[in-house]
């Protein structure tokens, strides 16, 4: 099942959707976020982090490439969130080698891994993943398309 055309009127709606999506996530999940600059990728991850109950503020990891947010048991967190941004790696001579150097696969089985700008670079981390395309319309409405690849993603998405 592909879920397309989900319209979110505000950034807060995008975060709220991320919280709902987090309710479907479990350790070992990989999400690939694509969309233009300012579309709301990081806002979605902020919601996911809130829904997973992780420590720390979720900010764009563009300059540090990846951040690990540990679960906060006081907030009900049990699974770490790895948040990576491959935007700057697109100009590298061998972006896949750069991704390999991040060792994202080292934590892939015990964390939820979300990679912004990761399409074509990180799919090899997991045979099963969820691709999320976010577009921003002129009125600031966000439109999300959720594309499941393998596993039980289609079944999980029906619960949204």
N, C-alpha and C. Protein backbone atom coordinates (compact mmCIF):
# COMPACT_ATOMS: atom_id res chain seq x y z
N UNK A 1 0.84 -1.18 0.00
CA UNK A 1 0.00 0.00 0.00
C UNK A 1 0.88 1.24 0.00
N UNK A 2 0.65 2.12 -0.94
CA UNK A 2 1.33 3.40 -0.98
C UNK A 2 0.36 4.45 -0.48
N UNK A 3 0.81 5.29 0.44
CA UNK A 3 -0.03 6.34 0.96
C UNK A 3 0.44 7.64 0.34
N UNK A 4 -0.41 8.26 -0.47
CA UNK A 4 0.00 9.45 -1.18
C UNK A 4 -0.93 10.62 -0.91
N UNK A 5 -0.38 11.80 -1.10
CA UNK A 5 -1.17 13.02 -1.02
C UNK A 5 -1.64 13.41 0.36
N UNK A 6 -0.89 13.01 1.39
CA UNK A 6 -1.26 13.41 2.75
C UNK A 6 -0.95 14.90 2.87
N UNK A 7 -1.97 15.70 3.13
CA UNK A 7 -1.81 17.15 3.20
C UNK A 7 -1.73 17.59 4.66
N UNK A 8 -0.70 18.37 4.95
CA UNK A 8 -0.46 18.89 6.30
C UNK A 8 -0.36 20.41 6.18
N UNK A 9 -1.28 21.11 6.80
CA UNK A 9 -1.41 22.56 6.58
C UNK A 9 -0.30 23.38 7.23
N UNK A 10 0.28 22.89 8.32
CA UNK A 10 1.28 23.69 9.04
C UNK A 10 2.48 22.83 9.44
N UNK A 11 3.52 23.50 9.89
CA UNK A 11 4.70 22.79 10.40
C UNK A 11 4.30 21.96 11.63
N UNK A 12 3.44 22.52 12.47
CA UNK A 12 2.97 21.75 13.64
C UNK A 12 2.22 20.50 13.22
N UNK A 13 1.44 20.58 12.15
CA UNK A 13 0.76 19.39 11.64
C UNK A 13 1.77 18.35 11.17
N UNK A 14 2.87 18.82 10.58
CA UNK A 14 3.93 17.93 10.13
C UNK A 14 4.55 17.22 11.32
N UNK A 15 4.82 17.97 12.39
CA UNK A 15 5.36 17.34 13.61
C UNK A 15 4.36 16.35 14.20
N UNK A 16 3.09 16.72 14.23
CA UNK A 16 2.06 15.82 14.77
C UNK A 16 1.99 14.53 13.96
N UNK A 17 2.11 14.64 12.64
CA UNK A 17 2.11 13.46 11.80
C UNK A 17 3.32 12.59 12.12
N UNK A 18 4.46 13.22 12.34
CA UNK A 18 5.66 12.48 12.73
C UNK A 18 5.46 11.70 14.02
N UNK A 19 4.76 12.31 14.99
CA UNK A 19 4.46 11.60 16.25
C UNK A 19 3.59 10.38 15.98
N UNK A 20 2.59 10.54 15.12
CA UNK A 20 1.73 9.40 14.77
C UNK A 20 2.53 8.32 14.05
N UNK A 21 3.38 8.73 13.13
CA UNK A 21 4.22 7.77 12.40
C UNK A 21 5.13 7.03 13.36
N UNK A 22 5.65 7.72 14.37
CA UNK A 22 6.53 7.08 15.35
C UNK A 22 5.85 5.91 16.05
N UNK A 23 4.54 5.96 16.19
CA UNK A 23 3.80 4.87 16.81
C UNK A 23 3.87 3.57 16.02
N UNK A 24 4.26 3.66 14.75
CA UNK A 24 4.39 2.48 13.90
C UNK A 24 5.81 1.95 13.83
N UNK A 25 6.75 2.73 14.36
CA UNK A 25 8.18 2.41 14.17
C UNK A 25 8.72 1.50 15.25
N UNK A 26 9.76 0.77 14.87
CA UNK A 26 10.43 -0.13 15.81
C UNK A 26 11.91 -0.20 15.46
N UNK A 27 12.68 -0.74 16.39
CA UNK A 27 14.12 -0.88 16.17
C UNK A 27 14.38 -1.61 14.86
N UNK A 28 15.35 -1.10 14.11
CA UNK A 28 15.71 -1.69 12.83
C UNK A 28 15.08 -1.00 11.63
N UNK A 29 14.13 -0.10 11.87
CA UNK A 29 13.46 0.58 10.76
C UNK A 29 14.37 1.64 10.13
N UNK A 30 14.24 1.77 8.81
CA UNK A 30 14.95 2.77 8.04
C UNK A 30 13.93 3.61 7.28
N UNK A 31 14.05 4.93 7.41
CA UNK A 31 13.22 5.87 6.68
C UNK A 31 14.12 6.77 5.85
N UNK A 32 13.76 6.96 4.59
CA UNK A 32 14.49 7.86 3.69
C UNK A 32 13.59 9.03 3.37
N UNK A 33 14.03 10.23 3.71
CA UNK A 33 13.23 11.43 3.46
C UNK A 33 13.80 12.20 2.29
N UNK A 34 12.94 12.55 1.34
CA UNK A 34 13.35 13.39 0.23
C UNK A 34 12.38 14.55 0.08
N UNK A 35 12.88 15.60 -0.54
CA UNK A 35 12.07 16.78 -0.77
C UNK A 35 12.98 17.99 -0.82
N UNK A 36 12.49 19.08 -1.37
CA UNK A 36 13.32 20.27 -1.50
C UNK A 36 13.67 20.88 -0.14
N UNK A 37 14.67 21.74 -0.15
CA UNK A 37 15.02 22.49 1.06
C UNK A 37 13.78 23.19 1.59
N UNK A 38 13.58 23.14 2.90
CA UNK A 38 12.45 23.82 3.52
C UNK A 38 11.12 23.10 3.42
N UNK A 39 11.12 21.87 2.92
CA UNK A 39 9.86 21.15 2.74
C UNK A 39 9.28 20.66 4.06
N UNK A 40 10.12 20.45 5.07
CA UNK A 40 9.63 19.97 6.35
C UNK A 40 10.19 18.64 6.80
N UNK A 41 11.30 18.23 6.20
CA UNK A 41 11.90 16.94 6.56
C UNK A 41 12.32 16.92 8.03
N UNK A 42 13.01 17.96 8.47
CA UNK A 42 13.46 17.99 9.87
C UNK A 42 12.27 18.13 10.82
N UNK A 43 11.25 18.88 10.43
CA UNK A 43 10.04 18.99 11.27
C UNK A 43 9.40 17.61 11.45
N UNK A 44 9.37 16.82 10.39
CA UNK A 44 8.83 15.47 10.50
C UNK A 44 9.66 14.64 11.47
N UNK A 45 10.99 14.75 11.38
CA UNK A 45 11.87 14.00 12.28
C UNK A 45 11.69 14.49 13.73
N UNK A 46 11.44 15.77 13.92
CA UNK A 46 11.17 16.28 15.27
C UNK A 46 9.95 15.58 15.86
N UNK A 47 8.93 15.41 15.05
CA UNK A 47 7.75 14.69 15.51
C UNK A 47 8.04 13.23 15.79
N UNK A 48 8.82 12.60 14.93
CA UNK A 48 9.20 11.20 15.14
C UNK A 48 9.97 11.08 16.45
N UNK A 49 10.92 11.98 16.67
CA UNK A 49 11.70 11.95 17.91
C UNK A 49 10.82 12.13 19.13
N UNK A 50 9.85 13.05 19.03
CA UNK A 50 8.91 13.25 20.14
C UNK A 50 8.09 12.01 20.39
N UNK A 51 7.63 11.37 19.31
CA UNK A 51 6.83 10.16 19.45
C UNK A 51 7.63 8.99 19.99
N UNK A 52 8.92 8.95 19.67
CA UNK A 52 9.77 7.87 20.19
C UNK A 52 10.25 8.16 21.61
N UNK A 53 10.08 9.40 22.07
CA UNK A 53 10.51 9.75 23.42
C UNK A 53 12.01 9.77 23.57
N UNK A 54 12.71 10.43 22.64
CA UNK A 54 14.17 10.48 22.71
C UNK A 54 14.65 11.76 23.39
N UNK A 55 15.89 11.73 23.84
CA UNK A 55 16.52 12.87 24.49
C UNK A 55 17.02 13.89 23.48
N UNK A 56 17.02 15.14 23.87
CA UNK A 56 17.64 16.19 23.08
C UNK A 56 16.72 16.78 22.03
N UNK A 57 17.07 17.98 21.62
CA UNK A 57 16.34 18.66 20.56
C UNK A 57 16.74 18.07 19.22
N UNK A 58 15.78 17.89 18.36
CA UNK A 58 16.05 17.40 17.01
C UNK A 58 16.26 18.62 16.13
N UNK A 59 17.46 18.76 15.62
CA UNK A 59 17.79 19.83 14.69
C UNK A 59 18.41 19.20 13.45
N UNK A 60 18.47 19.97 12.39
CA UNK A 60 19.02 19.44 11.16
C UNK A 60 20.49 19.07 11.35
N UNK A 61 20.86 17.84 11.00
CA UNK A 61 22.26 17.42 11.14
C UNK A 61 23.10 17.72 9.90
N UNK A 62 22.71 18.72 9.13
CA UNK A 62 23.40 18.99 7.86
C UNK A 62 24.91 19.11 8.03
N UNK A 63 25.35 19.80 9.06
CA UNK A 63 26.79 20.05 9.18
C UNK A 63 27.52 18.98 9.98
N UNK A 64 26.81 18.23 10.82
CA UNK A 64 27.46 17.14 11.56
C UNK A 64 27.18 15.79 10.90
N UNK A 65 26.35 15.78 9.91
CA UNK A 65 25.95 14.64 9.10
C UNK A 65 25.02 13.67 9.84
N UNK A 66 25.33 13.30 11.08
CA UNK A 66 24.47 12.35 11.80
C UNK A 66 24.50 12.62 13.30
N UNK A 67 23.34 12.41 13.91
CA UNK A 67 23.20 12.51 15.37
C UNK A 67 22.47 11.28 15.88
N UNK A 68 22.85 10.85 17.08
CA UNK A 68 22.16 9.75 17.74
C UNK A 68 21.44 10.34 18.94
N UNK A 69 20.13 10.10 19.02
CA UNK A 69 19.32 10.56 20.15
C UNK A 69 18.92 9.32 20.95
N UNK A 70 19.41 9.26 22.17
CA UNK A 70 19.11 8.12 23.04
C UNK A 70 17.67 8.21 23.56
N UNK A 71 17.08 7.07 23.86
CA UNK A 71 15.72 7.08 24.40
C UNK A 71 15.71 7.65 25.81
N UNK A 72 14.65 8.34 26.14
CA UNK A 72 14.45 8.89 27.48
C UNK A 72 13.37 8.08 28.17
N UNK A 73 13.75 7.17 29.08
CA UNK A 73 12.75 6.33 29.74
C UNK A 73 11.67 7.16 30.44
N UNK A 74 12.02 8.34 30.92
CA UNK A 74 11.03 9.19 31.60
C UNK A 74 9.94 9.65 30.64
N UNK A 75 10.25 9.67 29.34
CA UNK A 75 9.27 10.05 28.31
C UNK A 75 8.73 8.84 27.57
N UNK A 76 9.01 7.65 28.11
CA UNK A 76 8.52 6.43 27.49
C UNK A 76 9.39 5.91 26.37
N UNK A 77 10.57 6.50 26.19
CA UNK A 77 11.45 6.09 25.10
C UNK A 77 12.14 4.78 25.36
N UNK A 78 12.19 3.94 24.34
CA UNK A 78 12.88 2.65 24.46
C UNK A 78 13.83 2.39 23.29
N UNK A 79 13.70 3.19 22.22
CA UNK A 79 14.48 2.96 21.00
C UNK A 79 15.25 4.23 20.64
N UNK A 80 16.54 4.12 20.35
CA UNK A 80 17.29 5.30 19.91
C UNK A 80 16.85 5.73 18.51
N UNK A 81 17.10 6.99 18.21
CA UNK A 81 16.85 7.55 16.89
C UNK A 81 18.17 8.02 16.32
N UNK A 82 18.53 7.50 15.14
CA UNK A 82 19.69 7.98 14.40
C UNK A 82 19.15 8.88 13.30
N UNK A 83 19.56 10.14 13.33
CA UNK A 83 19.08 11.13 12.35
C UNK A 83 20.28 11.59 11.55
N UNK A 84 20.26 11.29 10.26
CA UNK A 84 21.38 11.63 9.38
C UNK A 84 20.88 12.51 8.23
N UNK A 85 21.79 13.29 7.70
CA UNK A 85 21.49 14.18 6.58
C UNK A 85 22.60 14.01 5.54
N UNK A 86 22.25 13.45 4.40
CA UNK A 86 23.24 13.17 3.36
C UNK A 86 23.35 14.31 2.34
N UNK A 87 22.74 15.46 2.61
CA UNK A 87 22.72 16.56 1.65
C UNK A 87 24.13 16.95 1.20
N UNK A 88 25.02 17.16 2.14
CA UNK A 88 26.38 17.59 1.78
C UNK A 88 27.19 16.48 1.14
N UNK A 89 26.75 15.26 1.29
CA UNK A 89 27.51 14.15 0.71
C UNK A 89 27.26 14.00 -0.79
N UNK A 90 26.21 14.65 -1.30
CA UNK A 90 25.90 14.55 -2.71
C UNK A 90 27.00 15.09 -3.60
N UNK A 91 27.83 16.00 -3.09
CA UNK A 91 28.93 16.56 -3.87
C UNK A 91 30.23 15.78 -3.71
N UNK A 92 30.24 14.79 -2.85
CA UNK A 92 31.46 14.01 -2.62
C UNK A 92 31.76 13.16 -3.85
N UNK A 93 33.04 12.87 -4.06
CA UNK A 93 33.44 12.05 -5.20
C UNK A 93 32.78 10.67 -5.14
N UNK A 94 32.69 10.10 -3.95
CA UNK A 94 32.06 8.81 -3.75
C UNK A 94 31.13 8.89 -2.53
N UNK A 95 29.89 9.40 -2.72
CA UNK A 95 29.01 9.59 -1.57
C UNK A 95 28.69 8.31 -0.81
N UNK A 96 28.66 7.17 -1.52
CA UNK A 96 28.38 5.92 -0.80
C UNK A 96 29.51 5.56 0.16
N UNK A 97 30.74 5.86 -0.21
CA UNK A 97 31.87 5.63 0.70
C UNK A 97 31.74 6.54 1.91
N UNK A 98 31.30 7.77 1.69
CA UNK A 98 31.08 8.70 2.81
C UNK A 98 30.02 8.15 3.75
N UNK A 99 28.94 7.61 3.19
CA UNK A 99 27.88 7.01 4.01
C UNK A 99 28.44 5.82 4.79
N UNK A 100 29.24 4.99 4.12
CA UNK A 100 29.85 3.84 4.81
C UNK A 100 30.69 4.30 5.99
N UNK A 101 31.40 5.42 5.83
CA UNK A 101 32.24 5.94 6.91
C UNK A 101 31.43 6.36 8.13
N UNK A 102 30.15 6.66 7.94
CA UNK A 102 29.30 7.05 9.08
C UNK A 102 28.92 5.87 9.96
N UNK A 103 29.12 4.65 9.46
CA UNK A 103 28.78 3.43 10.20
C UNK A 103 27.32 3.39 10.64
N UNK A 104 26.43 3.88 9.80
CA UNK A 104 25.01 3.84 10.14
C UNK A 104 24.53 2.42 10.35
N UNK A 105 25.15 1.47 9.65
CA UNK A 105 24.73 0.09 9.80
C UNK A 105 25.10 -0.49 11.16
N UNK A 106 26.03 0.15 11.87
CA UNK A 106 26.43 -0.34 13.20
C UNK A 106 25.29 -0.27 14.19
N UNK A 107 24.39 0.71 14.03
CA UNK A 107 23.28 0.87 14.97
C UNK A 107 21.94 0.56 14.32
N UNK A 108 21.95 0.13 13.08
CA UNK A 108 20.71 -0.03 12.32
C UNK A 108 19.73 -1.00 12.95
N UNK A 109 20.22 -2.06 13.56
CA UNK A 109 19.30 -3.06 14.11
C UNK A 109 18.67 -2.65 15.43
N UNK A 110 19.33 -1.76 16.18
CA UNK A 110 18.76 -1.40 17.48
C UNK A 110 18.15 -0.01 17.53
N UNK A 111 18.16 0.70 16.40
CA UNK A 111 17.64 2.06 16.37
C UNK A 111 16.68 2.25 15.20
N UNK A 112 15.91 3.32 15.27
CA UNK A 112 15.18 3.81 14.11
C UNK A 112 16.15 4.78 13.42
N UNK A 113 16.41 4.56 12.14
CA UNK A 113 17.34 5.39 11.38
C UNK A 113 16.56 6.19 10.35
N UNK A 114 16.70 7.52 10.42
CA UNK A 114 16.03 8.41 9.47
C UNK A 114 17.12 9.19 8.75
N UNK A 115 17.12 9.11 7.41
CA UNK A 115 18.14 9.78 6.62
C UNK A 115 17.48 10.76 5.65
N UNK A 116 17.78 12.03 5.84
CA UNK A 116 17.34 13.05 4.90
C UNK A 116 18.29 13.03 3.71
N UNK A 117 17.74 13.20 2.52
CA UNK A 117 18.54 13.23 1.29
C UNK A 117 19.28 11.91 1.05
N UNK A 118 18.74 10.81 1.56
CA UNK A 118 19.46 9.54 1.48
C UNK A 118 19.12 8.66 0.28
N UNK A 119 18.15 9.06 -0.53
CA UNK A 119 17.75 8.22 -1.66
C UNK A 119 18.94 7.98 -2.59
N UNK A 120 19.12 6.72 -2.96
CA UNK A 120 20.21 6.34 -3.83
C UNK A 120 21.53 6.14 -3.09
N UNK A 121 21.52 6.37 -1.78
CA UNK A 121 22.76 6.27 -1.00
C UNK A 121 22.70 5.26 0.13
N UNK A 122 21.54 5.08 0.75
CA UNK A 122 21.51 4.26 1.97
C UNK A 122 20.54 3.08 1.93
N UNK A 123 19.91 2.85 0.80
CA UNK A 123 18.96 1.76 0.72
C UNK A 123 19.58 0.42 1.08
N UNK A 124 20.88 0.28 0.88
CA UNK A 124 21.55 -0.98 1.17
C UNK A 124 21.62 -1.28 2.67
N UNK A 125 21.28 -0.31 3.51
CA UNK A 125 21.29 -0.55 4.95
C UNK A 125 20.20 -1.52 5.39
N UNK A 126 19.13 -1.61 4.60
CA UNK A 126 18.02 -2.46 4.98
C UNK A 126 17.22 -2.82 3.73
N UNK A 127 16.86 -4.08 3.58
CA UNK A 127 16.04 -4.50 2.45
C UNK A 127 14.63 -3.94 2.55
N UNK A 128 14.24 -3.56 3.76
CA UNK A 128 12.90 -3.03 4.02
C UNK A 128 13.05 -1.61 4.52
N UNK A 129 12.36 -0.68 3.87
CA UNK A 129 12.44 0.71 4.33
C UNK A 129 11.21 1.47 3.86
N UNK A 130 11.04 2.64 4.44
CA UNK A 130 9.95 3.52 4.07
C UNK A 130 10.54 4.79 3.46
N UNK A 131 10.17 5.06 2.22
CA UNK A 131 10.58 6.31 1.57
C UNK A 131 9.47 7.32 1.78
N UNK A 132 9.85 8.52 2.21
CA UNK A 132 8.89 9.59 2.45
C UNK A 132 9.28 10.77 1.59
N UNK A 133 8.41 11.14 0.68
CA UNK A 133 8.62 12.32 -0.17
C UNK A 133 7.76 13.45 0.39
N UNK A 134 8.40 14.60 0.66
CA UNK A 134 7.69 15.76 1.18
C UNK A 134 7.85 16.91 0.19
N UNK A 135 6.73 17.48 -0.19
CA UNK A 135 6.75 18.68 -1.03
C UNK A 135 6.02 19.79 -0.29
N UNK A 136 6.44 21.00 -0.56
CA UNK A 136 5.81 22.17 0.07
C UNK A 136 5.18 23.01 -1.02
N UNK A 137 3.89 23.27 -0.87
CA UNK A 137 3.16 24.06 -1.84
C UNK A 137 3.34 25.55 -1.55
N UNK A 138 2.89 26.38 -2.47
CA UNK A 138 3.04 27.83 -2.33
C UNK A 138 2.36 28.37 -1.06
N UNK A 139 1.29 27.71 -0.60
CA UNK A 139 0.60 28.17 0.61
C UNK A 139 1.18 27.55 1.88
N UNK A 140 2.36 26.95 1.79
CA UNK A 140 3.08 26.29 2.89
C UNK A 140 2.49 24.95 3.31
N UNK A 141 1.46 24.49 2.64
CA UNK A 141 0.95 23.15 2.90
C UNK A 141 2.02 22.14 2.50
N UNK A 142 2.21 21.13 3.34
CA UNK A 142 3.12 20.04 3.01
C UNK A 142 2.30 18.88 2.46
N UNK A 143 2.82 18.22 1.43
CA UNK A 143 2.18 17.04 0.86
C UNK A 143 3.16 15.89 0.98
N UNK A 144 2.73 14.82 1.65
CA UNK A 144 3.59 13.66 1.87
C UNK A 144 3.12 12.47 1.06
N UNK A 145 4.08 11.76 0.50
CA UNK A 145 3.85 10.46 -0.13
C UNK A 145 4.71 9.45 0.62
N UNK A 146 4.10 8.38 1.09
CA UNK A 146 4.79 7.32 1.82
C UNK A 146 4.86 6.09 0.93
N UNK A 147 6.08 5.66 0.64
CA UNK A 147 6.29 4.55 -0.28
C UNK A 147 7.01 3.41 0.44
N UNK A 148 6.29 2.33 0.75
CA UNK A 148 6.90 1.21 1.48
C UNK A 148 7.69 0.30 0.54
N UNK A 149 8.83 -0.16 1.03
CA UNK A 149 9.66 -1.11 0.30
C UNK A 149 9.90 -2.32 1.20
N UNK A 150 9.27 -3.42 0.85
CA UNK A 150 9.51 -4.68 1.55
C UNK A 150 8.88 -4.76 2.93
N UNK A 151 9.06 -5.93 3.51
CA UNK A 151 8.60 -6.16 4.88
C UNK A 151 7.11 -5.95 5.06
N UNK A 152 6.75 -5.48 6.25
CA UNK A 152 5.34 -5.28 6.57
C UNK A 152 4.96 -3.80 6.57
N UNK A 153 5.75 -2.97 5.88
CA UNK A 153 5.47 -1.53 5.85
C UNK A 153 4.06 -1.24 5.36
N UNK A 154 3.61 -1.89 4.31
CA UNK A 154 2.28 -1.61 3.77
C UNK A 154 1.22 -1.85 4.83
N UNK A 155 1.34 -2.96 5.57
CA UNK A 155 0.38 -3.26 6.63
C UNK A 155 0.43 -2.22 7.74
N UNK A 156 1.63 -1.82 8.11
CA UNK A 156 1.76 -0.81 9.17
C UNK A 156 1.15 0.52 8.75
N UNK A 157 1.35 0.89 7.49
CA UNK A 157 0.83 2.18 7.02
C UNK A 157 -0.69 2.25 7.05
N UNK A 158 -1.34 1.10 6.93
CA UNK A 158 -2.80 1.08 7.00
C UNK A 158 -3.30 1.58 8.35
N UNK A 159 -2.47 1.52 9.37
CA UNK A 159 -2.85 1.96 10.73
C UNK A 159 -2.80 3.47 10.91
N UNK A 160 -2.24 4.16 9.90
CA UNK A 160 -2.21 5.63 9.98
C UNK A 160 -3.60 6.12 9.71
